[in-house]
């Protein structure tokens, strides 16, 4: 699954640590999500989308390999 969290963070000019604090996870978790090493829970994905005020589908997108 790909995501645009890094882009959204850049728009708001916040660090991974600041986002992590807002959604109550570690900075390492945000890093792992951004790099595709960790797929967040539905609740965490919704918290992140809500923080950025974007639809979940705008923030996270399935890759072709996820569809098979």
Protein backbone atom coordinates (compact mmCIF):
# COMPACT_ATOMS: atom_id res chain seq x y z
CA UNK A 1 0.00 0.00 0.00
CA UNK A 2 1.32 3.43 -0.85
CA UNK A 3 0.58 6.64 0.99
CA UNK A 4 1.06 10.38 0.78
CA UNK A 5 1.74 11.07 4.44
CA UNK A 6 5.15 12.60 3.71
CA UNK A 7 3.55 15.01 1.21
CA UNK A 8 0.80 15.96 3.67
CA UNK A 9 3.38 16.52 6.40
CA UNK A 10 5.35 18.80 4.09
CA UNK A 11 2.22 20.84 3.34
CA UNK A 12 1.67 21.37 7.08
CA UNK A 13 5.40 21.74 7.73
CA UNK A 14 5.41 19.21 10.56
CA UNK A 15 7.90 16.51 11.48
CA UNK A 16 7.29 12.81 11.88
CA UNK A 17 7.56 13.33 15.63
CA UNK A 18 4.91 16.07 15.62
CA UNK A 19 2.50 13.91 13.62
CA UNK A 20 3.22 10.95 15.87
CA UNK A 21 2.38 13.06 18.91
CA UNK A 22 -0.92 14.19 17.35
CA UNK A 23 -2.06 10.64 16.55
CA UNK A 24 -0.53 9.09 19.69
CA UNK A 25 2.06 6.74 18.20
CA UNK A 26 5.86 6.74 18.06
CA UNK A 27 7.89 8.60 15.46
CA UNK A 28 9.21 5.21 14.37
CA UNK A 29 5.66 4.09 13.57
CA UNK A 30 5.11 7.12 11.32
CA UNK A 31 8.44 6.44 9.62
CA UNK A 32 7.53 2.78 9.08
CA UNK A 33 4.15 3.73 7.58
CA UNK A 34 5.70 6.34 5.28
CA UNK A 35 8.29 3.89 3.98
CA UNK A 36 5.76 1.09 3.46
CA UNK A 37 7.23 -1.19 6.11
CA UNK A 38 4.08 -1.07 8.25
CA UNK A 39 0.40 -0.97 7.33
CA UNK A 40 -1.52 1.00 9.97
CA UNK A 41 -4.66 -0.23 11.66
CA UNK A 42 -7.93 1.17 10.39
CA UNK A 43 -8.21 3.35 13.48
CA UNK A 44 -4.72 4.80 13.05
CA UNK A 45 -5.22 5.36 9.31
CA UNK A 46 -8.45 7.23 10.06
CA UNK A 47 -6.74 9.32 12.76
CA UNK A 48 -4.01 10.34 10.33
CA UNK A 49 -6.50 11.16 7.55
CA UNK A 50 -8.61 13.13 10.01
CA UNK A 51 -5.58 15.08 11.22
CA UNK A 52 -4.77 16.10 7.65
CA UNK A 53 -8.47 16.66 6.87
CA UNK A 54 -8.33 14.41 3.81
CA UNK A 55 -10.30 11.33 2.79
CA UNK A 56 -8.73 8.02 3.68
CA UNK A 57 -8.62 7.10 -0.02
CA UNK A 58 -6.60 10.24 -0.76
CA UNK A 59 -3.99 9.35 1.85
CA UNK A 60 -3.70 5.59 1.29
CA UNK A 61 -3.89 3.78 -2.03
CA UNK A 62 -3.70 0.10 -2.85
CA UNK A 63 -0.97 -1.00 -5.22
CA UNK A 64 -1.57 -3.56 -7.94
CA UNK A 65 0.18 -6.22 -5.86
CA UNK A 66 -2.33 -5.60 -3.03
CA UNK A 67 -5.23 -6.53 -5.30
CA UNK A 68 -4.16 -10.13 -5.95
